[in-house]
Protein backbone atom coordinates (compact mmCIF):
# COMPACT_ATOMS: atom_id res chain seq x y z
CA UNK A 1 30.03 -5.11 7.19
CA UNK A 2 31.76 -3.77 10.07
CA UNK A 3 29.89 -1.79 12.80
CA UNK A 4 26.50 -2.57 11.16
CA UNK A 5 23.53 -1.16 12.93
CA UNK A 6 19.88 -2.08 12.53
CA UNK A 7 16.90 0.10 12.61
CA UNK A 8 13.11 -0.72 12.97
CA UNK A 9 10.80 -0.98 9.98
CA UNK A 10 7.61 0.97 10.86
CA UNK A 11 4.21 0.44 9.16
CA UNK A 12 3.09 3.81 7.55
CA UNK A 13 -0.29 2.43 6.38
CA UNK A 14 -1.68 -0.76 7.79
CA UNK A 15 -3.90 -1.10 4.81
CA UNK A 16 -1.03 -1.64 2.58
CA UNK A 17 0.32 -4.44 4.57
CA UNK A 18 4.10 -5.39 4.00
CA UNK A 19 4.49 -2.69 1.38
CA UNK A 20 3.96 0.06 3.87
CA UNK A 21 6.98 -0.95 6.07
CA UNK A 22 9.74 1.75 6.05
CA UNK A 23 13.11 1.90 7.83
CA UNK A 24 13.37 4.90 10.22
CA UNK A 25 16.37 6.23 11.93
CA UNK A 26 15.59 7.77 15.46
CA UNK A 27 17.08 11.22 15.71
CA UNK A 28 17.43 13.80 18.54
CA UNK A 29 18.13 17.31 17.41
CA UNK A 30 19.68 19.59 20.07
CA UNK A 31 20.18 23.36 19.95
CA UNK A 32 21.30 25.18 23.07
CA UNK A 33 18.92 23.99 25.78
CA UNK A 34 16.18 22.68 23.53
CA UNK A 35 15.84 19.27 21.88
CA UNK A 36 13.32 17.60 19.56
CA UNK A 37 13.12 13.81 19.12
CA UNK A 38 11.98 12.69 15.70
CA UNK A 39 12.85 10.01 13.03
CA UNK A 40 14.19 10.16 9.51
CA UNK A 41 13.48 7.80 6.51
CA UNK A 42 16.48 5.70 5.77
CA UNK A 43 17.41 5.15 2.00
CA UNK A 44 18.22 1.44 1.88
CA UNK A 45 18.45 0.96 -1.84
CA UNK A 46 21.75 -0.72 -2.86
CA UNK A 47 23.30 0.65 -6.21
């Protein structure tokens, strides 16, 4: 795959162990002079 990027898998609930790891994409939303940094859940399912 060309230009592949990797994103961290973050644990959502430590009680679930490996099943709780989810891939998140870091985002910065900017509007005029304000910005918010957040993350979005990636859909990594392959069809």
